[in-house]
Amino acid sequence: MNKEKFLYPPGDFSIWIIIYIELITFGLFFIGFAFSRKGQVEVFNASQLLLDQRFGLVNTILLITSSYFVVKAVTIIKTINTEESFQKASVYLLGAIGLGGVFLIIKIIEFSDKYSQGINLSTNSFFMFYFILTIFHFMHVVLGMIILYNLYLNTKVGLYTKKEHRGLETGASYWHMVDLLWIVLFPLVYIIR
């Protein structure tokens, strides 16, 4: 067994500092949401019913699938280095980018629907948290897609290899954080009553 796999977390150490800071930031928002909800349970429950859980569920499936595609790309690069493997890995990354794009389109539709109903940040505490959390996450998805696009370009030309794939792992780690945040955000905002 290759011991090198366990000597460092995947990717560059600096990405893990960023990931921890992001997780702490979202964690504080989640705690704020929970405390605010505790004092306004009826408002939060009634407002939550105005959200379409199907949008949240589809977006969850999209991000989990996109993370799976990123894992497939990283695995291919770490195990096989042929022209065909570079192309296959780049197709997986392109698929992850596409699914991220569909996620964004669905969120834009959802945001537009809420605004057309006159719902915004100042409607109530629930929607204040809803918009802050989901727009903040939306921006992370956009940044993640930019990172994935750069990984795609580098993978397509064979920049990453079995021995040198830290850049690929770094970008993949960021994307998995984006997915993890949504996995927590979805039940918190859309389901838990």
C-alpha atoms as a PDB file:
ATOM      1  CA  MET A   1       0.000   0.000   0.000  1.00  0.00           C
ATOM      2  CA  ASN A   2       1.289   3.448  -0.901  1.00  0.00           C
ATOM      3  CA  LYS A   3       2.001   5.339   2.344  1.00  0.00           C
ATOM      4  CA  GLU A   4       2.255   8.661   0.487  1.00  0.00           C
ATOM      5  CA  LYS A   5      -1.543   8.775   0.231  1.00  0.00           C
ATOM      6  CA  PHE A   6      -1.795   9.265   3.981  1.00  0.00           C
ATOM      7  CA  LEU A   7       1.010  11.791   4.528  1.00  0.00           C
ATOM      8  CA  TYR A   8      -1.086  14.838   3.748  1.00  0.00           C
ATOM      9  CA  PRO A   9      -4.721  15.730   3.187  1.00  0.00           C
ATOM     10  CA  PRO A  10      -5.732  15.742  -0.479  1.00  0.00           C
ATOM     11  CA  GLY A  11      -4.568  18.852  -2.268  1.00  0.00           C
ATOM     12  CA  ASP A  12      -2.584  21.784  -1.029  1.00  0.00           C
ATOM     13  CA  PHE A  13      -2.604  22.537   2.711  1.00  0.00           C
ATOM     14  CA  SER A  14      -3.752  26.115   2.071  1.00  0.00           C
ATOM     15  CA  ILE A  15      -7.064  24.892   0.618  1.00  0.00           C
ATOM     16  CA  TRP A  16      -7.763  23.194   3.927  1.00  0.00           C
ATOM     17  CA  ILE A  17      -7.318  26.486   5.772  1.00  0.00           C
ATOM     18  CA  ILE A  18      -9.826  28.049   3.368  1.00  0.00           C
ATOM     19  CA  ILE A  19     -12.197  25.091   3.762  1.00  0.00           C
ATOM     20  CA  TYR A  20     -12.062  25.293   7.569  1.00  0.00           C
ATOM     21  CA  ILE A  21     -12.713  29.046   7.489  1.00  0.00           C
ATOM     22  CA  GLU A  22     -15.677  28.512   5.150  1.00  0.00           C
ATOM     23  CA  LEU A  23     -17.072  25.719   7.316  1.00  0.00           C
ATOM     24  CA  ILE A  24     -16.769  27.899  10.427  1.00  0.00           C
ATOM     25  CA  THR A  25     -18.482  30.798   8.626  1.00  0.00           C
ATOM     26  CA  PHE A  26     -21.375  28.640   7.438  1.00  0.00           C
ATOM     27  CA  GLY A  27     -21.497  26.965  10.845  1.00  0.00           C
ATOM     28  CA  LEU A  28     -22.025  30.343  12.502  1.00  0.00           C
ATOM     29  CA  PHE A  29     -24.837  31.092  10.038  1.00  0.00           C
ATOM     30  CA  PHE A  30     -26.378  27.686  10.787  1.00  0.00           C
ATOM     31  CA  ILE A  31     -26.220  28.391  14.540  1.00  0.00           C
ATOM     32  CA  GLY A  32     -27.772  31.816  13.978  1.00  0.00           C
ATOM     33  CA  PHE A  33     -30.520  30.184  11.926  1.00  0.00           C
ATOM     34  CA  ALA A  34     -31.206  27.631  14.688  1.00  0.00           C
ATOM     35  CA  PHE A  35     -31.364  30.262  17.453  1.00  0.00           C
ATOM     36  CA  SER A  36     -33.580  32.542  15.378  1.00  0.00           C
ATOM     37  CA  ARG A  37     -35.847  29.614  14.505  1.00  0.00           C
ATOM     38  CA  LYS A  38     -36.148  28.650  18.173  1.00  0.00           C
ATOM     39  CA  GLY A  39     -37.695  32.038  18.928  1.00  0.00           C
ATOM     40  CA  GLN A  40     -39.984  32.093  15.861  1.00  0.00           C
ATOM     41  CA  VAL A  41     -40.946  28.484  15.172  1.00  0.00           C
ATOM     42  CA  GLU A  42     -44.334  29.334  13.624  1.00  0.00           C
ATOM     43  CA  VAL A  43     -42.851  31.964  11.275  1.00  0.00           C
ATOM     44  CA  PHE A  44     -40.068  29.606  10.192  1.00  0.00           C
ATOM     45  CA  ASN A  45     -42.439  26.665   9.638  1.00  0.00           C
ATOM     46  CA  ALA A  46     -44.961  28.751   7.684  1.00  0.00           C
ATOM     47  CA  SER A  47     -42.228  30.362   5.568  1.00  0.00           C
ATOM     48  CA  GLN A  48     -40.565  27.032   4.896  1.00  0.00           C
ATOM     49  CA  LEU A  49     -43.814  25.794   3.356  1.00  0.00           C
ATOM     50  CA  LEU A  50     -43.411  28.496   0.683  1.00  0.00           C
ATOM     51  CA  LEU A  51     -40.235  26.779  -0.570  1.00  0.00           C
ATOM     52  CA  ASP A  52     -40.441  24.060  -3.193  1.00  0.00           C
ATOM     53  CA  GLN A  53     -38.660  21.044  -1.696  1.00  0.00           C
ATOM     54  CA  ARG A  54     -38.392  19.529  -5.180  1.00  0.00           C
ATOM     55  CA  PHE A  55     -35.965  22.293  -6.186  1.00  0.00           C
ATOM     56  CA  GLY A  56     -33.836  21.562  -3.136  1.00  0.00           C
ATOM     57  CA  LEU A  57     -33.931  17.810  -3.702  1.00  0.00           C
ATOM     58  CA  VAL A  58     -33.007  18.058  -7.381  1.00  0.00           C
ATOM     59  CA  ASN A  59     -30.163  20.423  -6.509  1.00  0.00           C
ATOM     60  CA  THR A  60     -28.935  17.986  -3.869  1.00  0.00           C
ATOM     61  CA  ILE A  61     -28.871  15.168  -6.408  1.00  0.00           C
ATOM     62  CA  LEU A  62     -27.089  17.422  -8.916  1.00  0.00           C
ATOM     63  CA  LEU A  63     -24.310  18.374  -6.495  1.00  0.00           C
ATOM     64  CA  ILE A  64     -23.822  14.840  -5.161  1.00  0.00           C
ATOM     65  CA  THR A  65     -23.594  13.542  -8.725  1.00  0.00           C
ATOM     66  CA  SER A  66     -21.174  16.307  -9.693  1.00  0.00           C
ATOM     67  CA  SER A  67     -18.965  15.407  -6.720  1.00  0.00           C
ATOM     68  CA  TYR A  68     -19.052  11.786  -7.861  1.00  0.00           C
ATOM     69  CA  PHE A  69     -17.871  12.911 -11.302  1.00  0.00           C
ATOM     70  CA  VAL A  70     -15.007  14.856  -9.708  1.00  0.00           C
ATOM     71  CA  VAL A  71     -14.019  11.770  -7.685  1.00  0.00           C
ATOM     72  CA  LYS A  72     -14.029   9.705 -10.889  1.00  0.00           C
ATOM     73  CA  ALA A  73     -11.781  12.252 -12.622  1.00  0.00           C
ATOM     74  CA  VAL A  74      -9.289  12.316  -9.735  1.00  0.00           C
ATOM     75  CA  THR A  75      -9.275   8.513  -9.507  1.00  0.00           C
ATOM     76  CA  ILE A  76      -8.586   8.149 -13.218  1.00  0.00           C
ATOM     77  CA  ILE A  77      -5.670  10.582 -13.098  1.00  0.00           C
ATOM     78  CA  LYS A  78      -4.207   8.943  -9.980  1.00  0.00           C
ATOM     79  CA  THR A  79      -4.315   5.455 -11.503  1.00  0.00           C
ATOM     80  CA  ILE A  80      -3.976   5.714 -15.299  1.00  0.00           C
ATOM     81  CA  ASN A  81      -1.964   8.159 -17.392  1.00  0.00           C
ATOM     82  CA  THR A  82      -2.770   7.789 -21.052  1.00  0.00           C
ATOM     83  CA  GLU A  83      -4.168  10.216 -23.588  1.00  0.00           C
ATOM     84  CA  GLU A  84      -7.467   8.372 -23.295  1.00  0.00           C
ATOM     85  CA  SER A  85      -7.498   8.681 -19.488  1.00  0.00           C
ATOM     86  CA  PHE A  86      -6.858  12.437 -19.676  1.00  0.00           C
ATOM     87  CA  GLN A  87      -9.802  12.802 -22.034  1.00  0.00           C
ATOM     88  CA  LYS A  88     -12.052  10.599 -19.910  1.00  0.00           C
ATOM     89  CA  ALA A  89     -11.160  12.507 -16.730  1.00  0.00           C
ATOM     90  CA  SER A  90     -11.752  15.825 -18.482  1.00  0.00           C
ATOM     91  CA  VAL A  91     -15.200  14.628 -19.610  1.00  0.00           C
ATOM     92  CA  TYR A  92     -16.074  13.826 -15.983  1.00  0.00           C
ATOM     93  CA  LEU A  93     -14.948  17.321 -14.960  1.00  0.00           C
ATOM     94  CA  LEU A  94     -16.993  18.842 -17.763  1.00  0.00           C
ATOM     95  CA  GLY A  95     -19.993  16.830 -16.528  1.00  0.00           C
ATOM     96  CA  ALA A  96     -19.457  18.181 -12.998  1.00  0.00           C
ATOM     97  CA  ILE A  97     -19.346  21.733 -14.377  1.00  0.00           C
ATOM     98  CA  GLY A  98     -22.546  21.119 -16.341  1.00  0.00           C
ATOM     99  CA  LEU A  99     -24.364  19.816 -13.267  1.00  0.00           C
ATOM    100  CA  GLY A 100     -23.152  22.825 -11.300  1.00  0.00           C
ATOM    101  CA  GLY A 101     -24.585  25.028 -14.048  1.00  0.00           C
ATOM    102  CA  VAL A 102     -27.968  23.296 -13.822  1.00  0.00           C
ATOM    103  CA  PHE A 103     -27.851  23.809 -10.043  1.00  0.00           C
ATOM    104  CA  LEU A 104     -27.347  27.555 -10.593  1.00  0.00           C
ATOM    105  CA  ILE A 105     -30.184  27.741 -13.129  1.00  0.00           C
ATOM    106  CA  ILE A 106     -32.565  26.060 -10.694  1.00  0.00           C
ATOM    107  CA  LYS A 107     -31.510  28.442  -7.911  1.00  0.00           C
ATOM    108  CA  ILE A 108     -32.062  31.443 -10.214  1.00  0.00           C
ATOM    109  CA  ILE A 109     -35.546  30.132 -11.048  1.00  0.00           C
ATOM    110  CA  GLU A 110     -36.233  29.669  -7.344  1.00  0.00           C
ATOM    111  CA  PHE A 111     -34.932  33.142  -6.443  1.00  0.00           C
ATOM    112  CA  SER A 112     -36.971  34.708  -9.259  1.00  0.00           C
ATOM    113  CA  ASP A 113     -40.095  32.909  -8.055  1.00  0.00           C
ATOM    114  CA  LYS A 114     -39.634  34.221  -4.523  1.00  0.00           C
ATOM    115  CA  TYR A 115     -38.981  37.793  -5.698  1.00  0.00           C
ATOM    116  CA  SER A 116     -42.035  37.680  -7.984  1.00  0.00           C
ATOM    117  CA  GLN A 117     -44.106  36.767  -4.910  1.00  0.00           C
ATOM    118  CA  GLY A 118     -42.706  39.820  -3.116  1.00  0.00           C
ATOM    119  CA  ILE A 119     -40.511  37.699  -0.852  1.00  0.00           C
ATOM    120  CA  ASN A 120     -37.065  39.113  -0.099  1.00  0.00           C
ATOM    121  CA  LEU A 121     -34.483  39.532   2.665  1.00  0.00           C
ATOM    122  CA  SER A 122     -36.755  41.799   4.690  1.00  0.00           C
ATOM    123  CA  THR A 123     -39.863  39.570   4.547  1.00  0.00           C
ATOM    124  CA  ASN A 124     -39.009  37.855   7.833  1.00  0.00           C
ATOM    125  CA  SER A 125     -36.109  36.187   9.691  1.00  0.00           C
ATOM    126  CA  PHE A 126     -36.536  32.879   7.861  1.00  0.00           C
ATOM    127  CA  PHE A 127     -36.226  34.468   4.440  1.00  0.00           C
ATOM    128  CA  MET A 128     -33.361  36.657   5.602  1.00  0.00           C
ATOM    129  CA  PHE A 129     -31.423  33.493   6.484  1.00  0.00           C
ATOM    130  CA  TYR A 130     -32.707  31.666   3.400  1.00  0.00           C
ATOM    131  CA  PHE A 131     -31.421  34.329   1.024  1.00  0.00           C
ATOM    132  CA  ILE A 132     -28.145  34.949   2.864  1.00  0.00           C
ATOM    133  CA  LEU A 133     -27.303  31.249   3.102  1.00  0.00           C
ATOM    134  CA  THR A 134     -28.372  30.250  -0.393  1.00  0.00           C
ATOM    135  CA  ILE A 135     -26.882  33.287  -2.159  1.00  0.00           C
ATOM    136  CA  PHE A 136     -23.621  32.817  -0.239  1.00  0.00           C
ATOM    137  CA  HIS A 137     -23.633  29.160  -1.276  1.00  0.00           C
ATOM    138  CA  PHE A 138     -24.554  30.171  -4.861  1.00  0.00           C
ATOM    139  CA  MET A 139     -21.380  32.289  -5.007  1.00  0.00           C
ATOM    140  CA  HIS A 140     -19.354  29.315  -3.783  1.00  0.00           C
ATOM    141  CA  VAL A 141     -20.819  27.173  -6.569  1.00  0.00           C
ATOM    142  CA  VAL A 142     -19.826  29.825  -9.130  1.00  0.00           C
ATOM    143  CA  LEU A 143     -16.258  29.921  -7.766  1.00  0.00           C
ATOM    144  CA  GLY A 144     -16.189  26.125  -7.657  1.00  0.00           C
ATOM    145  CA  MET A 145     -17.228  25.945 -11.310  1.00  0.00           C
ATOM    146  CA  ILE A 146     -14.434  28.349 -12.257  1.00  0.00           C
ATOM    147  CA  ILE A 147     -11.988  26.120 -10.379  1.00  0.00           C
ATOM    148  CA  LEU A 148     -13.410  23.001 -12.062  1.00  0.00           C
ATOM    149  CA  TYR A 149     -13.098  24.665 -15.468  1.00  0.00           C
ATOM    150  CA  ASN A 150      -9.401  25.308 -14.843  1.00  0.00           C
ATOM    151  CA  LEU A 151      -8.982  21.706 -13.702  1.00  0.00           C
ATOM    152  CA  TYR A 152     -10.771  20.601 -16.867  1.00  0.00           C
ATOM    153  CA  LEU A 153      -8.383  22.589 -19.077  1.00  0.00           C
ATOM    154  CA  ASN A 154      -5.327  21.279 -17.237  1.00  0.00           C
ATOM    155  CA  THR A 155      -6.586  17.697 -17.277  1.00  0.00           C
ATOM    156  CA  LYS A 156      -7.427  17.822 -20.959  1.00  0.00           C
ATOM    157  CA  VAL A 157      -3.811  18.647 -21.835  1.00  0.00           C
ATOM    158  CA  GLY A 158      -2.395  16.045 -19.437  1.00  0.00           C
ATOM    159  CA  LEU A 159      -0.974  18.435 -16.845  1.00  0.00           C
ATOM    160  CA  TYR A 160      -1.867  16.106 -13.954  1.00  0.00           C
ATOM    161  CA  THR A 161      -0.228  12.705 -13.602  1.00  0.00           C
ATOM    162  CA  LYS A 162      -0.126   9.762 -11.193  1.00  0.00           C
ATOM    163  CA  LYS A 163       2.767  11.432  -9.388  1.00  0.00           C
ATOM    164  CA  GLU A 164       1.737  15.087  -9.691  1.00  0.00           C
ATOM    165  CA  HIS A 165      -1.962  15.669  -9.135  1.00  0.00           C
ATOM    166  CA  ARG A 166      -1.990  17.926  -6.089  1.00  0.00           C
ATOM    167  CA  GLY A 167      -3.596  20.797  -8.045  1.00  0.00           C
ATOM    168  CA  LEU A 168      -6.402  18.488  -9.143  1.00  0.00           C
ATOM    169  CA  GLU A 169      -6.953  17.290  -5.570  1.00  0.00           C
ATOM    170  CA  THR A 170      -6.932  20.873  -4.304  1.00  0.00           C
ATOM    171  CA  GLY A 171      -9.723  21.944  -6.650  1.00  0.00           C
ATOM    172  CA  ALA A 172     -11.637  18.723  -5.979  1.00  0.00           C
ATOM    173  CA  SER A 173     -11.451  19.346  -2.221  1.00  0.00           C
ATOM    174  CA  TYR A 174     -12.998  22.784  -2.665  1.00  0.00           C
ATOM    175  CA  TRP A 175     -15.815  21.343  -4.798  1.00  0.00           C
ATOM    176  CA  HIS A 176     -16.545  18.655  -2.210  1.00  0.00           C
ATOM    177  CA  MET A 177     -16.792  21.383   0.454  1.00  0.00           C
ATOM    178  CA  VAL A 178     -19.395  23.164  -1.690  1.00  0.00           C
ATOM    179  CA  ASP A 179     -21.325  19.887  -1.932  1.00  0.00           C
ATOM    180  CA  LEU A 180     -21.036  19.226   1.807  1.00  0.00           C
ATOM    181  CA  LEU A 181     -22.374  22.686   2.633  1.00  0.00           C
ATOM    182  CA  TRP A 182     -25.429  22.087   0.465  1.00  0.00           C
ATOM    183  CA  ILE A 183     -26.014  18.673   2.062  1.00  0.00           C
ATOM    184  CA  VAL A 184     -26.317  20.476   5.410  1.00  0.00           C
ATOM    185  CA  LEU A 185     -28.159  23.507   4.012  1.00  0.00           C
ATOM    186  CA  PHE A 186     -30.857  21.529   2.182  1.00  0.00           C
ATOM    187  CA  PRO A 187     -32.414  19.761   5.195  1.00  0.00           C
ATOM    188  CA  LEU A 188     -31.838  22.759   7.472  1.00  0.00           C
ATOM    189  CA  VAL A 189     -33.682  25.210   5.226  1.00  0.00           C
ATOM    190  CA  TYR A 190     -36.099  23.009   3.262  1.00  0.00           C
ATOM    191  CA  ILE A 191     -37.050  20.067   5.472  1.00  0.00           C
ATOM    192  CA  ILE A 192     -36.412  20.252   9.238  1.00  0.00           C
ATOM    193  CA  ARG A 193     -39.423  21.648  11.092  1.00  0.00           C
END
